Amino acid sequence: MSKLDKIENSPNLRILIRNFVIELLLYGTLVVGYFLVALRLLNDYLTALFQNNLVLYAFLALFLIVVQGVLLDAVTSFLLNKIKLDRLE
């Protein structure tokens, strides 16, 4: 049996791949949902801000990016803890 066969048959690798796919689907769903909600709620305000005050728009955009990342990480961590995925230590 080659090293590649041992790695492919490893239970840890299967758990890792399964967890990665679950997290990828979860992140993708949350990002698309956030994008659609933010686009609908903030579209008019951000467009007006972009046309009237570009510097404030830039800082607000950076702030929204950071907040989105923090919230996405918090929600995803919470959901992953709730479904109790096996963790590799």
PDB file of N, CA and C in Angstrom:
ATOM      1  N   MET A   1       0.855  -1.174   0.000  1.00  0.00           N
ATOM      2  CA  MET A   1       0.000   0.000   0.000  1.00  0.00           C
ATOM      3  C   MET A   1       0.902   1.239   0.000  1.00  0.00           C
ATOM      4  N   SER A   2       0.656   2.153  -0.939  1.00  0.00           N
ATOM      5  CA  SER A   2       1.489   3.349  -1.041  1.00  0.00           C
ATOM      6  C   SER A   2       1.071   4.395  -0.018  1.00  0.00           C
ATOM      7  N   LYS A   3       1.908   5.421   0.127  1.00  0.00           N
ATOM      8  CA  LYS A   3       1.593   6.490   1.069  1.00  0.00           C
ATOM      9  C   LYS A   3       0.317   7.216   0.665  1.00  0.00           C
ATOM     10  N   LEU A   4       0.096   7.379  -0.631  1.00  0.00           N
ATOM     11  CA  LEU A   4      -1.101   8.066  -1.123  1.00  0.00           C
ATOM     12  C   LEU A   4      -2.361   7.291  -0.746  1.00  0.00           C
ATOM     13  N   ASP A   5      -2.320   5.971  -0.846  1.00  0.00           N
ATOM     14  CA  ASP A   5      -3.479   5.157  -0.457  1.00  0.00           C
ATOM     15  C   ASP A   5      -3.757   5.293   1.035  1.00  0.00           C
ATOM     16  N   LYS A   6      -2.715   5.335   1.845  1.00  0.00           N
ATOM     17  CA  LYS A   6      -2.893   5.488   3.289  1.00  0.00           C
ATOM     18  C   LYS A   6      -3.514   6.841   3.618  1.00  0.00           C
ATOM     19  N   ILE A   7      -3.062   7.893   2.930  1.00  0.00           N
ATOM     20  CA  ILE A   7      -3.602   9.231   3.176  1.00  0.00           C
ATOM     21  C   ILE A   7      -5.063   9.304   2.747  1.00  0.00           C
ATOM     22  N   GLU A   8      -5.389   8.754   1.579  1.00  0.00           N
ATOM     23  CA  GLU A   8      -6.768   8.810   1.080  1.00  0.00           C
ATOM     24  C   GLU A   8      -7.723   8.010   1.948  1.00  0.00           C
ATOM     25  N   ASN A   9      -7.275   6.947   2.561  1.00  0.00           N
ATOM     26  CA  ASN A   9      -8.131   6.112   3.400  1.00  0.00           C
ATOM     27  C   ASN A   9      -8.162   6.567   4.850  1.00  0.00           C
ATOM     28  N   SER A  10      -7.439   7.596   5.171  1.00  0.00           N
ATOM     29  CA  SER A  10      -7.366   8.085   6.540  1.00  0.00           C
ATOM     30  C   SER A  10      -8.708   8.670   6.972  1.00  0.00           C
ATOM     31  N   PRO A  11      -9.209   8.259   8.139  1.00  0.00           N
ATOM     32  CA  PRO A  11     -10.472   8.823   8.625  1.00  0.00           C
ATOM     33  C   PRO A  11     -10.370  10.322   8.887  1.00  0.00           C
ATOM     34  N   ASN A  12      -9.180  10.783   9.307  1.00  0.00           N
ATOM     35  CA  ASN A  12      -9.010  12.213   9.558  1.00  0.00           C
ATOM     36  C   ASN A  12      -9.173  13.030   8.286  1.00  0.00           C
ATOM     37  N   LEU A  13      -8.675  12.513   7.172  1.00  0.00           N
ATOM     38  CA  LEU A  13      -8.809  13.221   5.909  1.00  0.00           C
ATOM     39  C   LEU A  13     -10.268  13.280   5.482  1.00  0.00           C
ATOM     40  N   ARG A  14     -10.995  12.208   5.678  1.00  0.00           N
ATOM     41  CA  ARG A  14     -12.425  12.200   5.335  1.00  0.00           C
ATOM     42  C   ARG A  14     -13.197  13.211   6.185  1.00  0.00           C
ATOM     43  N   ILE A  15     -12.890  13.261   7.478  1.00  0.00           N
ATOM     44  CA  ILE A  15     -13.550  14.218   8.373  1.00  0.00           C
ATOM     45  C   ILE A  15     -13.188  15.644   7.954  1.00  0.00           C
ATOM     46  N   LEU A  16     -11.926  15.853   7.642  1.00  0.00           N
ATOM     47  CA  LEU A  16     -11.467  17.173   7.230  1.00  0.00           C
ATOM     48  C   LEU A  16     -12.179  17.631   5.960  1.00  0.00           C
ATOM     49  N   ILE A  17     -12.278  16.772   4.972  1.00  0.00           N
ATOM     50  CA  ILE A  17     -12.945  17.116   3.716  1.00  0.00           C
ATOM     51  C   ILE A  17     -14.428  17.351   3.953  1.00  0.00           C
ATOM     52  N   ARG A  18     -15.072  16.500   4.744  1.00  0.00           N
ATOM     53  CA  ARG A  18     -16.496  16.680   5.039  1.00  0.00           C
ATOM     54  C   ARG A  18     -16.750  18.013   5.738  1.00  0.00           C
ATOM     55  N   ASN A  19     -15.939  18.317   6.744  1.00  0.00           N
ATOM     56  CA  ASN A  19     -16.085  19.576   7.472  1.00  0.00           C
ATOM     57  C   ASN A  19     -15.840  20.773   6.559  1.00  0.00           C
ATOM     58  N   PHE A  20     -14.858  20.666   5.680  1.00  0.00           N
ATOM     59  CA  PHE A  20     -14.560  21.749   4.756  1.00  0.00           C
ATOM     60  C   PHE A  20     -15.737  22.011   3.825  1.00  0.00           C
ATOM     61  N   VAL A  21     -16.334  20.964   3.300  1.00  0.00           N
ATOM     62  CA  VAL A  21     -17.478  21.123   2.398  1.00  0.00           C
ATOM     63  C   VAL A  21     -18.666  21.738   3.139  1.00  0.00           C
ATOM     64  N   ILE A  22     -18.923  21.284   4.361  1.00  0.00           N
ATOM     65  CA  ILE A  22     -20.025  21.843   5.152  1.00  0.00           C
ATOM     66  C   ILE A  22     -19.780  23.324   5.437  1.00  0.00           C
ATOM     67  N   GLU A  23     -18.570  23.669   5.847  1.00  0.00           N
ATOM     68  CA  GLU A  23     -18.258  25.071   6.139  1.00  0.00           C
ATOM     69  C   GLU A  23     -18.334  25.922   4.877  1.00  0.00           C
ATOM     70  N   LEU A  24     -17.878  25.392   3.754  1.00  0.00           N
ATOM     71  CA  LEU A  24     -17.930  26.129   2.493  1.00  0.00           C
ATOM     72  C   LEU A  24     -19.372  26.413   2.085  1.00  0.00           C
ATOM     73  N   LEU A  25     -20.242  25.428   2.204  1.00  0.00           N
ATOM     74  CA  LEU A  25     -21.655  25.630   1.885  1.00  0.00           C
ATOM     75  C   LEU A  25     -22.300  26.632   2.844  1.00  0.00           C
ATOM     76  N   LEU A  26     -21.959  26.540   4.107  1.00  0.00           N
ATOM     77  CA  LEU A  26     -22.505  27.454   5.106  1.00  0.00           C
ATOM     78  C   LEU A  26     -22.044  28.886   4.846  1.00  0.00           C
ATOM     79  N   TYR A  27     -20.741  29.062   4.627  1.00  0.00           N
ATOM     80  CA  TYR A  27     -20.216  30.393   4.324  1.00  0.00           C
ATOM     81  C   TYR A  27     -20.865  30.947   3.051  1.00  0.00           C
ATOM     82  N   GLY A  28     -20.938  30.134   2.020  1.00  0.00           N
ATOM     83  CA  GLY A  28     -21.518  30.589   0.756  1.00  0.00           C
ATOM     84  C   GLY A  28     -22.948  31.053   0.918  1.00  0.00           C
ATOM     85  N   THR A  29     -23.740  30.283   1.647  1.00  0.00           N
ATOM     86  CA  THR A  29     -25.139  30.650   1.876  1.00  0.00           C
ATOM     87  C   THR A  29     -25.251  31.956   2.659  1.00  0.00           C
ATOM     88  N   LEU A  30     -24.457  32.090   3.703  1.00  0.00           N
ATOM     89  CA  LEU A  30     -24.501  33.307   4.515  1.00  0.00           C
ATOM     90  C   LEU A  30     -24.024  34.537   3.738  1.00  0.00           C
ATOM     91  N   VAL A  31     -22.997  34.390   2.933  1.00  0.00           N
ATOM     92  CA  VAL A  31     -22.485  35.526   2.159  1.00  0.00           C
ATOM     93  C   VAL A  31     -23.502  35.973   1.117  1.00  0.00           C
ATOM     94  N   VAL A  32     -24.096  35.032   0.412  1.00  0.00           N
ATOM     95  CA  VAL A  32     -25.107  35.396  -0.587  1.00  0.00           C
ATOM     96  C   VAL A  32     -26.313  36.042   0.087  1.00  0.00           C
ATOM     97  N   GLY A  33     -26.752  35.499   1.205  1.00  0.00           N
ATOM     98  CA  GLY A  33     -27.872  36.088   1.946  1.00  0.00           C
ATOM     99  C   GLY A  33     -27.554  37.496   2.415  1.00  0.00           C
ATOM    100  N   TYR A  34     -26.370  37.690   2.974  1.00  0.00           N
ATOM    101  CA  TYR A  34     -25.966  39.019   3.435  1.00  0.00           C
ATOM    102  C   TYR A  34     -25.897  39.992   2.265  1.00  0.00           C
ATOM    103  N   PHE A  35     -25.323  39.545   1.168  1.00  0.00           N
ATOM    104  CA  PHE A  35     -25.195  40.400  -0.006  1.00  0.00           C
ATOM    105  C   PHE A  35     -26.564  40.868  -0.499  1.00  0.00           C
ATOM    106  N   LEU A  36     -27.521  39.950  -0.585  1.00  0.00           N
ATOM    107  CA  LEU A  36     -28.849  40.324  -1.068  1.00  0.00           C
ATOM    108  C   LEU A  36     -29.557  41.272  -0.109  1.00  0.00           C
ATOM    109  N   VAL A  37     -29.446  41.027   1.185  1.00  0.00           N
ATOM    110  CA  VAL A  37     -30.083  41.904   2.177  1.00  0.00           C
ATOM    111  C   VAL A  37     -29.414  43.280   2.176  1.00  0.00           C
ATOM    112  N   ALA A  38     -28.090  43.300   2.211  1.00  0.00           N
ATOM    113  CA  ALA A  38     -27.376  44.578   2.237  1.00  0.00           C
ATOM    114  C   ALA A  38     -27.619  45.367   0.959  1.00  0.00           C
ATOM    115  N   LEU A  39     -27.672  44.691  -0.154  1.00  0.00           N
ATOM    116  CA  LEU A  39     -27.907  45.370  -1.422  1.00  0.00           C
ATOM    117  C   LEU A  39     -29.276  46.035  -1.439  1.00  0.00           C
ATOM    118  N   ARG A  40     -30.278  45.358  -0.934  1.00  0.00           N
ATOM    119  CA  ARG A  40     -31.632  45.932  -0.919  1.00  0.00           C
ATOM    120  C   ARG A  40     -31.772  47.059   0.099  1.00  0.00           C
ATOM    121  N   LEU A  41     -31.214  46.877   1.288  1.00  0.00           N
ATOM    122  CA  LEU A  41     -31.395  47.860   2.353  1.00  0.00           C
ATOM    123  C   LEU A  41     -30.518  49.100   2.192  1.00  0.00           C
ATOM    124  N   LEU A  42     -29.314  48.924   1.703  1.00  0.00           N
ATOM    125  CA  LEU A  42     -28.354  50.024   1.684  1.00  0.00           C
ATOM    126  C   LEU A  42     -28.088  50.606   0.304  1.00  0.00           C
ATOM    127  N   ASN A  43     -28.700  50.078  -0.725  1.00  0.00           N
ATOM    128  CA  ASN A  43     -28.396  50.489  -2.087  1.00  0.00           C
ATOM    129  C   ASN A  43     -28.577  51.991  -2.303  1.00  0.00           C
ATOM    130  N   ASP A  44     -29.738  52.518  -1.988  1.00  0.00           N
ATOM    131  CA  ASP A  44     -30.011  53.940  -2.245  1.00  0.00           C
ATOM    132  C   ASP A  44     -29.098  54.836  -1.418  1.00  0.00           C
ATOM    133  N   TYR A  45     -28.939  54.511  -0.144  1.00  0.00           N
ATOM    134  CA  TYR A  45     -28.101  55.314   0.746  1.00  0.00           C
ATOM    135  C   TYR A  45     -26.643  55.311   0.280  1.00  0.00           C
ATOM    136  N   LEU A  46     -26.108  54.141  -0.053  1.00  0.00           N
ATOM    137  CA  LEU A  46     -24.712  54.058  -0.473  1.00  0.00           C
ATOM    138  C   LEU A  46     -24.484  54.732  -1.823  1.00  0.00           C
ATOM    139  N   THR A  47     -25.439  54.641  -2.716  1.00  0.00           N
ATOM    140  CA  THR A  47     -25.317  55.315  -4.011  1.00  0.00           C
ATOM    141  C   THR A  47     -25.268  56.829  -3.825  1.00  0.00           C
ATOM    142  N   ALA A  48     -26.152  57.367  -2.994  1.00  0.00           N
ATOM    143  CA  ALA A  48     -26.164  58.802  -2.733  1.00  0.00           C
ATOM    144  C   ALA A  48     -24.873  59.230  -2.041  1.00  0.00           C
ATOM    145  N   LEU A  49     -24.398  58.443  -1.110  1.00  0.00           N
ATOM    146  CA  LEU A  49     -23.162  58.767  -0.408  1.00  0.00           C
ATOM    147  C   LEU A  49     -21.977  58.738  -1.361  1.00  0.00           C
ATOM    148  N   PHE A  50     -21.949  57.770  -2.262  1.00  0.00           N
ATOM    149  CA  PHE A  50     -20.876  57.672  -3.254  1.00  0.00           C
ATOM    150  C   PHE A  50     -20.846  58.906  -4.146  1.00  0.00           C
ATOM    151  N   GLN A  51     -21.997  59.389  -4.535  1.00  0.00           N
ATOM    152  CA  GLN A  51     -22.066  60.552  -5.427  1.00  0.00           C
ATOM    153  C   GLN A  51     -21.768  61.864  -4.702  1.00  0.00           C
ATOM    154  N   ASN A  52     -22.058  61.936  -3.394  1.00  0.00           N
ATOM    155  CA  ASN A  52     -21.917  63.196  -2.671  1.00  0.00           C
ATOM    156  C   ASN A  52     -20.654  63.307  -1.835  1.00  0.00           C
ATOM    157  N   ASN A  53     -20.179  62.222  -1.259  1.00  0.00           N
ATOM    158  CA  ASN A  53     -19.032  62.288  -0.352  1.00  0.00           C
ATOM    159  C   ASN A  53     -18.226  60.997  -0.485  1.00  0.00           C
ATOM    160  N   LEU A  54     -17.288  61.003  -1.396  1.00  0.00           N
ATOM    161  CA  LEU A  54     -16.530  59.794  -1.721  1.00  0.00           C
ATOM    162  C   LEU A  54     -15.643  59.318  -0.561  1.00  0.00           C
ATOM    163  N   VAL A  55     -15.089  60.235   0.203  1.00  0.00           N
ATOM    164  CA  VAL A  55     -14.215  59.852   1.323  1.00  0.00           C
ATOM    165  C   VAL A  55     -15.031  59.137   2.410  1.00  0.00           C
ATOM    166  N   LEU A  56     -16.158  59.699   2.771  1.00  0.00           N
ATOM    167  CA  LEU A  56     -17.016  59.056   3.766  1.00  0.00           C
ATOM    168  C   LEU A  56     -17.511  57.701   3.264  1.00  0.00           C
ATOM    169  N   TYR A  57     -17.832  57.636   1.983  1.00  0.00           N
ATOM    170  CA  TYR A  57     -18.258  56.371   1.380  1.00  0.00           C
ATOM    171  C   TYR A  57     -17.160  55.314   1.525  1.00  0.00           C
ATOM    172  N   ALA A  58     -15.906  55.694   1.276  1.00  0.00           N
ATOM    173  CA  ALA A  58     -14.787  54.749   1.364  1.00  0.00           C
ATOM    174  C   ALA A  58     -14.634  54.216   2.787  1.00  0.00           C
ATOM    175  N   PHE A  59     -14.699  55.110   3.777  1.00  0.00           N
ATOM    176  CA  PHE A  59     -14.576  54.660   5.171  1.00  0.00           C
ATOM    177  C   PHE A  59     -15.760  53.789   5.586  1.00  0.00           C
ATOM    178  N   LEU A  60     -16.949  54.153   5.159  1.00  0.00           N
ATOM    179  CA  LEU A  60     -18.130  53.342   5.472  1.00  0.00           C
ATOM    180  C   LEU A  60     -18.040  51.966   4.813  1.00  0.00           C
ATOM    181  N   ALA A  61     -17.556  51.926   3.581  1.00  0.00           N
ATOM    182  CA  ALA A  61     -17.400  50.638   2.890  1.00  0.00           C
ATOM    183  C   ALA A  61     -16.409  49.748   3.630  1.00  0.00           C
ATOM    184  N   LEU A  62     -15.282  50.319   4.066  1.00  0.00           N
ATOM    185  CA  LEU A  62     -14.310  49.529   4.836  1.00  0.00           C
ATOM    186  C   LEU A  62     -14.903  49.039   6.150  1.00  0.00           C
ATOM    187  N   PHE A  63     -15.650  49.903   6.817  1.00  0.00           N
ATOM    188  CA  PHE A  63     -16.311  49.518   8.061  1.00  0.00           C
ATOM    189  C   PHE A  63     -17.291  48.368   7.815  1.00  0.00           C
ATOM    190  N   LEU A  64     -18.078  48.463   6.766  1.00  0.00           N
ATOM    191  CA  LEU A  64     -19.044  47.400   6.452  1.00  0.00           C
ATOM    192  C   LEU A  64     -18.349  46.082   6.134  1.00  0.00           C
ATOM    193  N   ILE A  65     -17.208  46.148   5.469  1.00  0.00           N
ATOM    194  CA  ILE A  65     -16.459  44.930   5.154  1.00  0.00           C
ATOM    195  C   ILE A  65     -15.979  44.254   6.437  1.00  0.00           C
ATOM    196  N   VAL A  66     -15.437  45.041   7.360  1.00  0.00           N
ATOM    197  CA  VAL A  66     -14.939  44.485   8.626  1.00  0.00           C
ATOM    198  C   VAL A  66     -16.090  43.897   9.444  1.00  0.00           C
ATOM    199  N   VAL A  67     -17.187  44.636   9.559  1.00  0.00           N
ATOM    200  CA  VAL A  67     -18.346  44.159  10.316  1.00  0.00           C
ATOM    201  C   VAL A  67     -18.901  42.882   9.694  1.00  0.00           C
ATOM    202  N   GLN A  68     -18.978  42.847   8.374  1.00  0.00           N
ATOM    203  CA  GLN A  68     -19.458  41.645   7.697  1.00  0.00           C
ATOM    204  C   GLN A  68     -18.582  40.448   8.034  1.00  0.00           C
ATOM    205  N   GLY A  69     -17.276  40.619   8.013  1.00  0.00           N
ATOM    206  CA  GLY A  69     -16.363  39.519   8.323  1.00  0.00           C
ATOM    207  C   GLY A  69     -16.520  39.022   9.746  1.00  0.00           C
ATOM    208  N   VAL A  70     -16.626  39.948  10.690  1.00  0.00           N
ATOM    209  CA  VAL A  70     -16.773  39.571  12.100  1.00  0.00           C
ATOM    210  C   VAL A  70     -18.096  38.847  12.325  1.00  0.00           C
ATOM    211  N   LEU A  71     -19.174  39.396  11.779  1.00  0.00           N
ATOM    212  CA  LEU A  71     -20.491  38.761  11.949  1.00  0.00           C
ATOM    213  C   LEU A  71     -20.554  37.398  11.265  1.00  0.00           C
ATOM    214  N   LEU A  72     -19.986  37.305  10.077  1.00  0.00           N
ATOM    215  CA  LEU A  72     -19.982  36.027   9.364  1.00  0.00           C
ATOM    216  C   LEU A  72     -19.225  34.976  10.154  1.00  0.00           C
ATOM    217  N   ASP A  73     -18.083  35.353  10.715  1.00  0.00           N
ATOM    218  CA  ASP A  73     -17.306  34.413  11.514  1.00  0.00           C
ATOM    219  C   ASP A  73     -18.062  33.996  12.772  1.00  0.00           C
ATOM    220  N   ALA A  74     -18.699  34.958  13.445  1.00  0.00           N
ATOM    221  CA  ALA A  74     -19.440  34.650  14.674  1.00  0.00           C
ATOM    222  C   ALA A  74     -20.629  33.733  14.394  1.00  0.00           C
ATOM    223  N   VAL A  75     -21.392  34.039  13.370  1.00  0.00           N
ATOM    224  CA  VAL A  75     -22.571  33.219  13.032  1.00  0.00           C
ATOM    225  C   VAL A  75     -22.149  31.829  12.596  1.00  0.00           C
ATOM    226  N   THR A  76     -21.109  31.752  11.770  1.00  0.00           N
ATOM    227  CA  THR A  76     -20.648  30.446  11.298  1.00  0.00           C
ATOM    228  C   THR A  76     -20.109  29.605  12.450  1.00  0.00           C
ATOM    229  N   SER A  77     -19.330  30.200  13.329  1.00  0.00           N
ATOM    230  CA  SER A  77     -18.812  29.462  14.488  1.00  0.00           C
ATOM    231  C   SER A  77     -19.949  28.959  15.368  1.00  0.00           C
ATOM    232  N   PHE A  78     -20.940  29.801  15.589  1.00  0.00           N
ATOM    233  CA  PHE A  78     -22.103  29.405  16.388  1.00  0.00           C
ATOM    234  C   PHE A  78     -22.824  28.221  15.750  1.00  0.00           C
ATOM    235  N   LEU A  79     -23.073  28.312  14.445  1.00  0.00           N
ATOM    236  CA  LEU A  79     -23.787  27.228  13.759  1.00  0.00           C
ATOM    237  C   LEU A  79     -22.972  25.941  13.735  1.00  0.00           C
ATOM    238  N   LEU A  80     -21.671  26.049  13.534  1.00  0.00           N
ATOM    239  CA  LEU A  80     -20.842  24.849  13.521  1.00  0.00           C
ATOM    240  C   LEU A  80     -20.785  24.200  14.900  1.00  0.00           C
ATOM    241  N   ASN A  81     -20.797  25.000  15.950  1.00  0.00           N
ATOM    242  CA  ASN A  81     -20.844  24.435  17.302  1.00  0.00           C
ATOM    243  C   ASN A  81     -22.187  23.774  17.575  1.00  0.00           C
ATOM    244  N   LYS A  82     -23.265  24.330  17.033  1.00  0.00           N
ATOM    245  CA  LYS A  82     -24.599  23.750  17.233  1.00  0.00           C
ATOM    246  C   LYS A  82     -24.743  22.398  16.538  1.00  0.00           C
ATOM    247  N   ILE A  83     -24.155  22.249  15.347  1.00  0.00           N
ATOM    248  CA  ILE A  83     -24.284  20.968  14.645  1.00  0.00           C
ATOM    249  C   ILE A  83     -23.194  19.982  15.076  1.00  0.00           C
ATOM    250  N   LYS A  84     -22.284  20.440  15.942  1.00  0.00           N
ATOM    251  CA  LYS A  84     -21.281  19.592  16.589  1.00  0.00           C
ATOM    252  C   LYS A  84     -20.462  18.772  15.592  1.00  0.00           C
ATOM    253  N   LEU A  85     -19.791  19.464  14.698  1.00  0.00           N
ATOM    254  CA  LEU A  85     -18.885  18.777  13.771  1.00  0.00           C
ATOM    255  C   LEU A  85     -17.697  18.243  14.539  1.00  0.00           C
ATOM    256  N   ASP A  86     -17.178  17.101  14.103  1.00  0.00           N
ATOM    257  CA  ASP A  86     -15.968  16.550  14.706  1.00  0.00           C
ATOM    258  C   ASP A  86     -14.812  17.490  14.428  1.00  0.00           C
ATOM    259  N   ARG A  87     -14.074  17.823  15.468  1.00  0.00           N
ATOM    260  CA  ARG A  87     -12.923  18.713  15.319  1.00  0.00           C
ATOM    261  C   ARG A  87     -11.642  17.891  15.288  1.00  0.00           C
ATOM    262  N   LEU A  88     -10.739  18.268  14.410  1.00  0.00           N
ATOM    263  CA  LEU A  88      -9.439  17.616  14.376  1.00  0.00           C
ATOM    264  C   LEU A  88      -8.506  18.382  15.307  1.00  0.00           C
ATOM    265  N   GLU A  89      -7.875  17.695  16.200  1.00  0.00           N
ATOM    266  CA  GLU A  89      -6.970  18.340  17.161  1.00  0.00           C
ATOM    267  C   GLU A  89      -5.550  18.007  16.820  1.00  0.00           C
TER     268      GLU A  89
END
